[in-house]
Amino acid sequence: HFVALIFTVYGLAAAVSAWGSGVLCDRFGCRKVIISGILLWV
């Protein structure tokens, strides 16, 4: 049950990040967004 909660939180974070990726590219540039993605994974 708790593992299901972990996957749910992960999915919600991914959905929010998917939405923000495009507008953040408009604001900060694609390179900085890609670097942020690497750091937020690593």
PDB file of all heavy atoms in Angstrom:
ATOM      1  N   HIS A   1       0.829  -1.206   0.000  1.00  0.00           N
ATOM      2  CA  HIS A   1       0.000   0.000   0.000  1.00  0.00           C
ATOM      3  C   HIS A   1       0.865   1.257   0.000  1.00  0.00           C
ATOM      4  O   HIS A   1       0.593   2.219  -0.724  1.00  0.00           O
ATOM      5  CB  HIS A   1      -0.914  -0.011   1.227  1.00  0.00           C
ATOM      6  CG  HIS A   1      -1.907   1.113   1.260  1.00  0.00           C
ATOM      7  ND1 HIS A   1      -2.926   1.230   0.353  1.00  0.00           N
ATOM      8  CD2 HIS A   1      -2.004   2.195   2.083  1.00  0.00           C
ATOM      9  CE1 HIS A   1      -3.629   2.320   0.622  1.00  0.00           C
ATOM     10  NE2 HIS A   1      -3.089   2.924   1.659  1.00  0.00           N
ATOM     11  N   PHE A   2       1.938   1.254   0.794  1.00  0.00           N
ATOM     12  CA  PHE A   2       2.810   2.424   0.854  1.00  0.00           C
ATOM     13  C   PHE A   2       3.616   2.563  -0.448  1.00  0.00           C
ATOM     14  O   PHE A   2       3.885   3.671  -0.893  1.00  0.00           O
ATOM     15  CB  PHE A   2       3.773   2.319   2.043  1.00  0.00           C
ATOM     16  CG  PHE A   2       4.455   3.619   2.384  1.00  0.00           C
ATOM     17  CD1 PHE A   2       3.826   4.559   3.180  1.00  0.00           C
ATOM     18  CD2 PHE A   2       5.716   3.914   1.883  1.00  0.00           C
ATOM     19  CE1 PHE A   2       4.438   5.763   3.483  1.00  0.00           C
ATOM     20  CE2 PHE A   2       6.348   5.109   2.185  1.00  0.00           C
ATOM     21  CZ  PHE A   2       5.705   6.038   2.989  1.00  0.00           C
ATOM     22  N   VAL A   3       3.983   1.433  -1.045  1.00  0.00           N
ATOM     23  CA  VAL A   3       4.680   1.485  -2.332  1.00  0.00           C
ATOM     24  C   VAL A   3       3.785   2.130  -3.388  1.00  0.00           C
ATOM     25  O   VAL A   3       4.250   2.912  -4.221  1.00  0.00           O
ATOM     26  CB  VAL A   3       5.107   0.068  -2.776  1.00  0.00           C
ATOM     27  CG1 VAL A   3       5.607   0.071  -4.225  1.00  0.00           C
ATOM     28  CG2 VAL A   3       6.194  -0.464  -1.857  1.00  0.00           C
ATOM     29  N   ALA A   4       2.479   1.830  -3.341  1.00  0.00           N
ATOM     30  CA  ALA A   4       1.538   2.464  -4.264  1.00  0.00           C
ATOM     31  C   ALA A   4       1.524   3.980  -4.061  1.00  0.00           C
ATOM     32  O   ALA A   4       1.436   4.756  -5.015  1.00  0.00           O
ATOM     33  CB  ALA A   4       0.134   1.888  -4.076  1.00  0.00           C
ATOM     34  N   LEU A   5       1.624   4.420  -2.789  1.00  0.00           N
ATOM     35  CA  LEU A   5       1.689   5.850  -2.497  1.00  0.00           C
ATOM     36  C   LEU A   5       2.960   6.462  -3.090  1.00  0.00           C
ATOM     37  O   LEU A   5       2.928   7.563  -3.653  1.00  0.00           O
ATOM     38  CB  LEU A   5       1.659   6.071  -0.986  1.00  0.00           C
ATOM     39  CG  LEU A   5       1.861   7.525  -0.508  1.00  0.00           C
ATOM     40  CD1 LEU A   5       0.725   8.413  -1.030  1.00  0.00           C
ATOM     41  CD2 LEU A   5       1.955   7.592   1.012  1.00  0.00           C
ATOM     42  N   ILE A   6       4.077   5.762  -2.995  1.00  0.00           N
ATOM     43  CA  ILE A   6       5.341   6.255  -3.549  1.00  0.00           C
ATOM     44  C   ILE A   6       5.217   6.459  -5.053  1.00  0.00           C
ATOM     45  O   ILE A   6       5.610   7.503  -5.599  1.00  0.00           O
ATOM     46  CB  ILE A   6       6.487   5.266  -3.241  1.00  0.00           C
ATOM     47  CG1 ILE A   6       6.786   5.266  -1.737  1.00  0.00           C
ATOM     48  CG2 ILE A   6       7.749   5.629  -4.030  1.00  0.00           C
ATOM     49  CD1 ILE A   6       7.786   4.214  -1.315  1.00  0.00           C
ATOM     50  N   PHE A   7       4.629   5.467  -5.746  1.00  0.00           N
ATOM     51  CA  PHE A   7       4.473   5.583  -7.189  1.00  0.00           C
ATOM     52  C   PHE A   7       3.498   6.695  -7.554  1.00  0.00           C
ATOM     53  O   PHE A   7       3.653   7.358  -8.582  1.00  0.00           O
ATOM     54  CB  PHE A   7       3.989   4.255  -7.774  1.00  0.00           C
ATOM     55  CG  PHE A   7       5.049   3.190  -7.798  1.00  0.00           C
ATOM     56  CD1 PHE A   7       4.702   1.854  -7.862  1.00  0.00           C
ATOM     57  CD2 PHE A   7       6.388   3.512  -7.745  1.00  0.00           C
ATOM     58  CE1 PHE A   7       5.673   0.862  -7.886  1.00  0.00           C
ATOM     59  CE2 PHE A   7       7.375   2.542  -7.757  1.00  0.00           C
ATOM     60  CZ  PHE A   7       7.017   1.214  -7.840  1.00  0.00           C
ATOM     61  N   THR A   8       2.484   6.906  -6.718  1.00  0.00           N
ATOM     62  CA  THR A   8       1.526   7.981  -6.976  1.00  0.00           C
ATOM     63  C   THR A   8       2.200   9.342  -6.870  1.00  0.00           C
ATOM     64  O   THR A   8       2.010  10.216  -7.732  1.00  0.00           O
ATOM     65  CB  THR A   8       0.358   7.899  -5.980  1.00  0.00           C
ATOM     66  OG1 THR A   8      -0.297   6.639  -6.103  1.00  0.00           O
ATOM     67  CG2 THR A   8      -0.653   9.019  -6.238  1.00  0.00           C
ATOM     68  N   VAL A   9       2.990   9.537  -5.813  1.00  0.00           N
ATOM     69  CA  VAL A   9       3.716  10.802  -5.633  1.00  0.00           C
ATOM     70  C   VAL A   9       4.683  11.022  -6.792  1.00  0.00           C
ATOM     71  O   VAL A   9       4.799  12.129  -7.332  1.00  0.00           O
ATOM     72  CB  VAL A   9       4.459  10.811  -4.284  1.00  0.00           C
ATOM     73  CG1 VAL A   9       5.382  12.022  -4.173  1.00  0.00           C
ATOM     74  CG2 VAL A   9       3.462  10.796  -3.135  1.00  0.00           C
ATOM     75  N   TYR A  10       5.377   9.956  -7.183  1.00  0.00           N
ATOM     76  CA  TYR A  10       6.310  10.041  -8.306  1.00  0.00           C
ATOM     77  C   TYR A  10       5.567  10.461  -9.591  1.00  0.00           C
ATOM     78  O   TYR A  10       6.024  11.325 -10.341  1.00  0.00           O
ATOM     79  CB  TYR A  10       6.984   8.687  -8.502  1.00  0.00           C
ATOM     80  CG  TYR A  10       7.962   8.628  -9.648  1.00  0.00           C
ATOM     81  CD1 TYR A  10       9.308   8.931  -9.458  1.00  0.00           C
ATOM     82  CD2 TYR A  10       7.550   8.257 -10.929  1.00  0.00           C
ATOM     83  CE1 TYR A  10      10.214   8.870 -10.510  1.00  0.00           C
ATOM     84  CE2 TYR A  10       8.439   8.196 -11.978  1.00  0.00           C
ATOM     85  CZ  TYR A  10       9.769   8.502 -11.772  1.00  0.00           C
ATOM     86  OH  TYR A  10      10.654   8.446 -12.827  1.00  0.00           O
ATOM     87  N   GLY A  11       4.397   9.854  -9.833  1.00  0.00           N
ATOM     88  CA  GLY A  11       3.624  10.184 -11.026  1.00  0.00           C
ATOM     89  C   GLY A  11       3.126  11.611 -11.029  1.00  0.00           C
ATOM     90  O   GLY A  11       3.136  12.286 -12.068  1.00  0.00           O
ATOM     91  N   LEU A  12       2.695  12.099  -9.871  1.00  0.00           N
ATOM     92  CA  LEU A  12       2.240  13.487  -9.780  1.00  0.00           C
ATOM     93  C   LEU A  12       3.394  14.457 -10.040  1.00  0.00           C
ATOM     94  O   LEU A  12       3.233  15.462 -10.736  1.00  0.00           O
ATOM     95  CB  LEU A  12       1.629  13.748  -8.404  1.00  0.00           C
ATOM     96  CG  LEU A  12       0.279  13.059  -8.127  1.00  0.00           C
ATOM     97  CD1 LEU A  12      -0.123  13.265  -6.675  1.00  0.00           C
ATOM     98  CD2 LEU A  12      -0.800  13.616  -9.050  1.00  0.00           C
ATOM     99  N   ALA A  13       4.564  14.140  -9.483  1.00  0.00           N
ATOM    100  CA  ALA A  13       5.740  14.988  -9.724  1.00  0.00           C
ATOM    101  C   ALA A  13       6.092  15.004 -11.204  1.00  0.00           C
ATOM    102  O   ALA A  13       6.425  16.063 -11.770  1.00  0.00           O
ATOM    103  CB  ALA A  13       6.920  14.484  -8.900  1.00  0.00           C
ATOM    104  N   ALA A  14       6.003  13.849 -11.858  1.00  0.00           N
ATOM    105  CA  ALA A  14       6.317  13.772 -13.283  1.00  0.00           C
ATOM    106  C   ALA A  14       5.320  14.569 -14.114  1.00  0.00           C
ATOM    107  O   ALA A  14       5.703  15.237 -15.086  1.00  0.00           O
ATOM    108  CB  ALA A  14       6.329  12.305 -13.735  1.00  0.00           C
ATOM    109  N   ALA A  15       4.030  14.538 -13.721  1.00  0.00           N
ATOM    110  CA  ALA A  15       3.018  15.293 -14.464  1.00  0.00           C
ATOM    111  C   ALA A  15       3.252  16.801 -14.338  1.00  0.00           C
ATOM    112  O   ALA A  15       3.152  17.542 -15.319  1.00  0.00           O
ATOM    113  CB  ALA A  15       1.626  14.925 -13.959  1.00  0.00           C
ATOM    114  N   VAL A  16       3.565  17.252 -13.120  1.00  0.00           N
ATOM    115  CA  VAL A  16       3.848  18.679 -12.904  1.00  0.00           C
ATOM    116  C   VAL A  16       5.077  19.099 -13.691  1.00  0.00           C
ATOM    117  O   VAL A  16       5.113  20.149 -14.344  1.00  0.00           O
ATOM    118  CB  VAL A  16       4.051  18.963 -11.399  1.00  0.00           C
ATOM    119  CG1 VAL A  16       4.550  20.397 -11.190  1.00  0.00           C
ATOM    120  CG2 VAL A  16       2.747  18.748 -10.643  1.00  0.00           C
ATOM    121  N   SER A  17       6.109  18.254 -13.657  1.00  0.00           N
ATOM    122  CA  SER A  17       7.345  18.553 -14.370  1.00  0.00           C
ATOM    123  C   SER A  17       7.121  18.571 -15.878  1.00  0.00           C
ATOM    124  O   SER A  17       7.686  19.403 -16.590  1.00  0.00           O
ATOM    125  CB  SER A  17       8.405  17.516 -14.007  1.00  0.00           C
ATOM    126  OG  SER A  17       9.627  17.797 -14.647  1.00  0.00           O
ATOM    127  N   ALA A  18       6.288  17.651 -16.384  1.00  0.00           N
ATOM    128  CA  ALA A  18       5.990  17.610 -17.814  1.00  0.00           C
ATOM    129  C   ALA A  18       5.320  18.905 -18.253  1.00  0.00           C
ATOM    130  O   ALA A  18       5.639  19.460 -19.311  1.00  0.00           O
ATOM    131  CB  ALA A  18       5.099  16.410 -18.116  1.00  0.00           C
ATOM    132  N   TRP A  19       4.388  19.390 -17.437  1.00  0.00           N
ATOM    133  CA  TRP A  19       3.735  20.657 -17.764  1.00  0.00           C
ATOM    134  C   TRP A  19       4.745  21.812 -17.764  1.00  0.00           C
ATOM    135  O   TRP A  19       4.785  22.621 -18.676  1.00  0.00           O
ATOM    136  CB  TRP A  19       2.625  20.957 -16.763  1.00  0.00           C
ATOM    137  CG  TRP A  19       2.283  22.422 -16.699  1.00  0.00           C
ATOM    138  CD1 TRP A  19       2.599  23.292 -15.716  1.00  0.00           C
ATOM    139  CD2 TRP A  19       1.598  23.185 -17.694  1.00  0.00           C
ATOM    140  NE1 TRP A  19       2.154  24.551 -16.026  1.00  0.00           N
ATOM    141  CE2 TRP A  19       1.539  24.527 -17.229  1.00  0.00           C
ATOM    142  CE3 TRP A  19       1.033  22.877 -18.926  1.00  0.00           C
ATOM    143  CZ2 TRP A  19       0.925  25.531 -17.958  1.00  0.00           C
ATOM    144  CZ3 TRP A  19       0.424  23.885 -19.662  1.00  0.00           C
ATOM    145  CH2 TRP A  19       0.365  25.193 -19.181  1.00  0.00           C
ATOM    146  N   GLY A  20       5.599  21.852 -16.752  1.00  0.00           N
ATOM    147  CA  GLY A  20       6.509  22.985 -16.612  1.00  0.00           C
ATOM    148  C   GLY A  20       7.646  23.002 -17.603  1.00  0.00           C
ATOM    149  O   GLY A  20       8.247  24.061 -17.843  1.00  0.00           O
ATOM    150  N   SER A  21       7.963  21.846 -18.204  1.00  0.00           N
ATOM    151  CA  SER A  21       9.149  21.773 -19.062  1.00  0.00           C
ATOM    152  C   SER A  21       9.100  22.765 -20.209  1.00  0.00           C
ATOM    153  O   SER A  21      10.095  23.437 -20.507  1.00  0.00           O
ATOM    154  CB  SER A  21       9.305  20.346 -19.610  1.00  0.00           C
ATOM    155  OG  SER A  21       8.147  19.958 -20.330  1.00  0.00           O
ATOM    156  N   GLY A  22       7.963  22.879 -20.867  1.00  0.00           N
ATOM    157  CA  GLY A  22       7.872  23.769 -22.017  1.00  0.00           C
ATOM    158  C   GLY A  22       7.972  25.237 -21.657  1.00  0.00           C
ATOM    159  O   GLY A  22       8.746  25.988 -22.267  1.00  0.00           O
ATOM    160  N   VAL A  23       7.204  25.675 -20.654  1.00  0.00           N
ATOM    161  CA  VAL A  23       7.232  27.091 -20.278  1.00  0.00           C
ATOM    162  C   VAL A  23       8.584  27.470 -19.685  1.00  0.00           C
ATOM    163  O   VAL A  23       9.050  28.611 -19.849  1.00  0.00           O
ATOM    164  CB  VAL A  23       6.090  27.435 -19.298  1.00  0.00           C
ATOM    165  CG1 VAL A  23       4.749  27.305 -19.975  1.00  0.00           C
ATOM    166  CG2 VAL A  23       6.134  26.560 -18.055  1.00  0.00           C
ATOM    167  N   LEU A  24       9.231  26.546 -18.996  1.00  0.00           N
ATOM    168  CA  LEU A  24      10.572  26.829 -18.460  1.00  0.00           C
ATOM    169  C   LEU A  24      11.592  26.962 -19.588  1.00  0.00           C
ATOM    170  O   LEU A  24      12.535  27.759 -19.482  1.00  0.00           O
ATOM    171  CB  LEU A  24      10.994  25.726 -17.493  1.00  0.00           C
ATOM    172  CG  LEU A  24      10.231  25.677 -16.162  1.00  0.00           C
ATOM    173  CD1 LEU A  24      10.639  24.453 -15.355  1.00  0.00           C
ATOM    174  CD2 LEU A  24      10.481  26.946 -15.343  1.00  0.00           C
ATOM    175  N   CYS A  25      11.400  26.199 -20.669  1.00  0.00           N
ATOM    176  CA  CYS A  25      12.273  26.367 -21.838  1.00  0.00           C
ATOM    177  C   CYS A  25      12.098  27.748 -22.446  1.00  0.00           C
ATOM    178  O   CYS A  25      13.069  28.374 -22.887  1.00  0.00           O
ATOM    179  CB  CYS A  25      11.967  25.292 -22.881  1.00  0.00           C
ATOM    180  SG  CYS A  25      12.629  23.658 -22.499  1.00  0.00           S
ATOM    181  N   ASP A  26      10.855  28.239 -22.488  1.00  0.00           N
ATOM    182  CA  ASP A  26      10.612  29.599 -22.987  1.00  0.00           C
ATOM    183  C   ASP A  26      11.305  30.641 -22.117  1.00  0.00           C
ATOM    184  O   ASP A  26      11.828  31.632 -22.621  1.00  0.00           O
ATOM    185  CB  ASP A  26       9.102  29.890 -22.997  1.00  0.00           C
ATOM    186  CG  ASP A  26       8.428  29.377 -24.258  1.00  0.00           C
ATOM    187  OD1 ASP A  26       9.145  29.027 -25.220  1.00  0.00           O
ATOM    188  OD2 ASP A  26       7.184  29.326 -24.275  1.00  0.00           O
ATOM    189  N   ARG A  27      11.330  30.395 -20.811  1.00  0.00           N
ATOM    190  CA  ARG A  27      11.838  31.404 -19.881  1.00  0.00           C
ATOM    191  C   ARG A  27      13.349  31.330 -19.714  1.00  0.00           C
ATOM    192  O   ARG A  27      14.033  32.353 -19.743  1.00  0.00           O
ATOM    193  CB  ARG A  27      11.160  31.224 -18.513  1.00  0.00           C
ATOM    194  CG  ARG A  27      11.653  32.198 -17.438  1.00  0.00           C
ATOM    195  CD  ARG A  27      11.294  33.631 -17.807  1.00  0.00           C
ATOM    196  NE  ARG A  27      11.804  34.589 -16.838  1.00  0.00           N
ATOM    197  CZ  ARG A  27      12.995  35.173 -16.901  1.00  0.00           C
ATOM    198  NH1 ARG A  27      13.821  34.876 -17.912  1.00  0.00           N
ATOM    199  NH2 ARG A  27      13.372  36.043 -15.998  1.00  0.00           N
ATOM    200  N   PHE A  28      13.888  30.134 -19.550  1.00  0.00           N
ATOM    201  CA  PHE A  28      15.298  29.998 -19.196  1.00  0.00           C
ATOM    202  C   PHE A  28      16.164  29.377 -20.296  1.00  0.00           C
ATOM    203  O   PHE A  28      17.388  29.347 -20.163  1.00  0.00           O
ATOM    204  CB  PHE A  28      15.437  29.147 -17.926  1.00  0.00           C
ATOM    205  CG  PHE A  28      14.742  29.730 -16.725  1.00  0.00           C
ATOM    206  CD1 PHE A  28      13.559  29.185 -16.255  1.00  0.00           C
ATOM    207  CD2 PHE A  28      15.261  30.846 -16.079  1.00  0.00           C
ATOM    208  CE1 PHE A  28      12.914  29.726 -15.151  1.00  0.00           C
ATOM    209  CE2 PHE A  28      14.627  31.386 -14.969  1.00  0.00           C
ATOM    210  CZ  PHE A  28      13.448  30.829 -14.507  1.00  0.00           C
ATOM    211  N   GLY A  29      15.542  28.851 -21.339  1.00  0.00           N
ATOM    212  CA  GLY A  29      16.302  28.183 -22.380  1.00  0.00           C
ATOM    213  C   GLY A  29      16.328  26.681 -22.168  1.00  0.00           C
ATOM    214  O   GLY A  29      16.294  26.194 -21.031  1.00  0.00           O
ATOM    215  N   CYS A  30      16.402  25.930 -23.253  1.00  0.00           N
ATOM    216  CA  CYS A  30      16.325  24.468 -23.174  1.00  0.00           C
ATOM    217  C   CYS A  30      17.525  23.870 -22.447  1.00  0.00           C
ATOM    218  O   CYS A  30      17.391  22.872 -21.736  1.00  0.00           O
ATOM    219  CB  CYS A  30      16.220  23.878 -24.582  1.00  0.00           C
ATOM    220  SG  CYS A  30      14.699  24.336 -25.447  1.00  0.00           S
ATOM    221  N   ARG A  31      18.706  24.451 -22.626  1.00  0.00           N
ATOM    222  CA  ARG A  31      19.909  23.887 -22.012  1.00  0.00           C
ATOM    223  C   ARG A  31      19.791  23.866 -20.491  1.00  0.00           C
ATOM    224  O   ARG A  31      20.111  22.860 -19.839  1.00  0.00           O
ATOM    225  CB  ARG A  31      21.127  24.692 -22.440  1.00  0.00           C
ATOM    226  CG  ARG A  31      22.457  24.123 -21.936  1.00  0.00           C
ATOM    227  CD  ARG A  31      23.630  24.905 -22.530  1.00  0.00           C
ATOM    228  NE  ARG A  31      24.905  24.320 -22.146  1.00  0.00           N
ATOM    229  CZ  ARG A  31      25.570  24.622 -21.034  1.00  0.00           C
ATOM    230  NH1 ARG A  31      25.059  25.502 -20.178  1.00  0.00           N
ATOM    231  NH2 ARG A  31      26.723  24.048 -20.755  1.00  0.00           N
ATOM    232  N   LYS A  32      19.329  24.960 -19.900  1.00  0.00           N
ATOM    233  CA  LYS A  32      19.205  25.022 -18.450  1.00  0.00           C
ATOM    234  C   LYS A  32      18.136  24.064 -17.937  1.00  0.00           C
ATOM    235  O   LYS A  32      18.276  23.480 -16.853  1.00  0.00           O
ATOM    236  CB  LYS A  32      18.897  26.457 -18.013  1.00  0.00           C
ATOM    237  CG  LYS A  32      20.068  27.413 -18.222  1.00  0.00           C
ATOM    238  CD  LYS A  32      19.721  28.818 -17.774  1.00  0.00           C
ATOM    239  CE  LYS A  32      20.926  29.751 -17.979  1.00  0.00           C
ATOM    240  NZ  LYS A  32      20.616  31.151 -17.614  1.00  0.00           N
ATOM    241  N   VAL A  33      17.071  23.890 -18.709  1.00  0.00           N
ATOM    242  CA  VAL A  33      16.019  22.955 -18.311  1.00  0.00           C
ATOM    243  C   VAL A  33      16.552  21.528 -18.345  1.00  0.00           C
ATOM    244  O   VAL A  33      16.295  20.722 -17.436  1.00  0.00           O
ATOM    245  CB  VAL A  33      14.786  23.100 -19.230  1.00  0.00           C
ATOM    246  CG1 VAL A  33      13.772  21.993 -18.958  1.00  0.00           C
ATOM    247  CG2 VAL A  33      14.137  24.466 -19.019  1.00  0.00           C
ATOM    248  N   ILE A  34      17.321  21.181 -19.368  1.00  0.00           N
ATOM    249  CA  ILE A  34      17.909  19.848 -19.473  1.00  0.00           C
ATOM    250  C   ILE A  34      18.870  19.594 -18.308  1.00  0.00           C
ATOM    251  O   ILE A  34      18.863  18.519 -17.698  1.00  0.00           O
ATOM    252  CB  ILE A  34      18.626  19.686 -20.827  1.00  0.00           C
ATOM    253  CG1 ILE A  34      17.603  19.690 -21.964  1.00  0.00           C
ATOM    254  CG2 ILE A  34      19.441  18.392 -20.864  1.00  0.00           C
ATOM    255  CD1 ILE A  34      18.214  19.769 -23.349  1.00  0.00           C
ATOM    256  N   ILE A  35      19.693  20.573 -17.989  1.00  0.00           N
ATOM    257  CA  ILE A  35      20.615  20.437 -16.848  1.00  0.00           C
ATOM    258  C   ILE A  35      19.831  20.247 -15.553  1.00  0.00           C
ATOM    259  O   ILE A  35      20.193  19.418 -14.714  1.00  0.00           O
ATOM    260  CB  ILE A  35      21.536  21.672 -16.749  1.00  0.00           C
ATOM    261  CG1 ILE A  35      22.502  21.708 -17.943  1.00  0.00           C
ATOM    262  CG2 ILE A  35      22.318  21.663 -15.443  1.00  0.00           C
ATOM    263  CD1 ILE A  35      23.350  22.969 -18.007  1.00  0.00           C
ATOM    264  N   SER A  36      18.743  20.997 -15.398  1.00  0.00           N
ATOM    265  CA  SER A  36      17.912  20.846 -14.194  1.00  0.00           C
ATOM    266  C   SER A  36      17.346  19.436 -14.095  1.00  0.00           C
ATOM    267  O   SER A  36      17.268  18.854 -13.008  1.00  0.00           O
ATOM    268  CB  SER A  36      16.767  21.868 -14.221  1.00  0.00           C
ATOM    269  OG  SER A  36      17.272  23.186 -14.220  1.00  0.00           O
ATOM    270  N   GLY A  37      16.951  18.882 -15.242  1.00  0.00           N
ATOM    271  CA  GLY A  37      16.431  17.522 -15.248  1.00  0.00           C
ATOM    272  C   GLY A  37      17.477  16.513 -14.798  1.00  0.00           C
ATOM    273  O   GLY A  37      17.177  15.589 -14.041  1.00  0.00           O
ATOM    274  N   ILE A  38      18.709  16.702 -15.257  1.00  0.00           N
ATOM    275  CA  ILE A  38      19.794  15.808 -14.849  1.00  0.00           C
ATOM    276  C   ILE A  38      20.020  15.894 -13.342  1.00  0.00           C
ATOM    277  O   ILE A  38      20.117  14.875 -12.649  1.00  0.00           O
ATOM    278  CB  ILE A  38      21.090  16.158 -15.606  1.00  0.00           C
ATOM    279  CG1 ILE A  38      20.902  15.954 -17.116  1.00  0.00           C
ATOM    280  CG2 ILE A  38      22.257  15.307 -15.101  1.00  0.00           C
ATOM    281  CD1 ILE A  38      22.043  16.495 -17.956  1.00  0.00           C
ATOM    282  N   LEU A  39      20.098  17.112 -12.826  1.00  0.00           N
ATOM    283  CA  LEU A  39      20.358  17.309 -11.393  1.00  0.00           C
ATOM    284  C   LEU A  39      19.222  16.775 -10.528  1.00  0.00           C
ATOM    285  O   LEU A  39      19.452  16.169  -9.475  1.00  0.00           O
ATOM    286  CB  LEU A  39      20.591  18.791 -11.105  1.00  0.00           C
ATOM    287  CG  LEU A  39      21.842  19.415 -11.729  1.00  0.00           C
ATOM    288  CD1 LEU A  39      21.904  20.906 -11.429  1.00  0.00           C
ATOM    289  CD2 LEU A  39      23.098  18.713 -11.225  1.00  0.00           C
ATOM    290  N   LEU A  40      17.984  16.983 -10.975  1.00  0.00           N
ATOM    291  CA  LEU A  40      16.833  16.526 -10.189  1.00  0.00           C
ATOM    292  C   LEU A  40      16.644  15.011 -10.279  1.00  0.00           C
ATOM    293  O   LEU A  40      15.831  14.443  -9.540  1.00  0.00           O
ATOM    294  CB  LEU A  40      15.568  17.244 -10.655  1.00  0.00           C
ATOM    295  CG  LEU A  40      15.408  18.669 -10.122  1.00  0.00           C
ATOM    296  CD1 LEU A  40      14.231  19.371 -10.792  1.00  0.00           C
ATOM    297  CD2 LEU A  40      15.215  18.658  -8.601  1.00  0.00           C
ATOM    298  N   TRP A  41      17.358  14.361 -11.158  1.00  0.00           N
ATOM    299  CA  TRP A  41      17.377  12.901 -11.166  1.00  0.00           C
ATOM    300  C   TRP A  41      18.548  12.390 -10.339  1.00  0.00           C
ATOM    301  O   TRP A  41      18.394  11.502  -9.496  1.00  0.00           O
ATOM    302  CB  TRP A  41      17.488  12.372 -12.596  1.00  0.00           C
ATOM    303  CG  TRP A  41      17.071  10.943 -12.770  1.00  0.00           C
ATOM    304  CD1 TRP A  41      15.884  10.502 -13.267  1.00  0.00           C
ATOM    305  CD2 TRP A  41      17.825   9.759 -12.436  1.00  0.00           C
ATOM    306  NE1 TRP A  41      15.842   9.124 -13.264  1.00  0.00           N
ATOM    307  CE2 TRP A  41      17.028   8.635 -12.759  1.00  0.00           C
ATOM    308  CE3 TRP A  41      19.082   9.528 -11.893  1.00  0.00           C
ATOM    309  CZ2 TRP A  41      17.447   7.322 -12.561  1.00  0.00           C
ATOM    310  CZ3 TRP A  41      19.515   8.222 -11.686  1.00  0.00           C
ATOM    311  CH2 TRP A  41      18.701   7.129 -12.020  1.00  0.00           C
ATOM    312  N   VAL A  42      19.719  12.971 -10.564  1.00  0.00           N
ATOM    313  CA  VAL A  42      20.958  12.443  -9.976  1.00  0.00           C
ATOM    314  C   VAL A  42      21.017  12.659  -8.465  1.00  0.00           C
ATOM    315  O   VAL A  42      21.291  11.723  -7.701  1.00  0.00           O
ATOM    316  CB  VAL A  42      22.188  13.080 -10.665  1.00  0.00           C
ATOM    317  CG1 VAL A  42      23.471  12.754  -9.888  1.00  0.00           C
ATOM    318  CG2 VAL A  42      22.294  12.587 -12.101  1.00  0.00           C
TER     319      VAL A  42
END
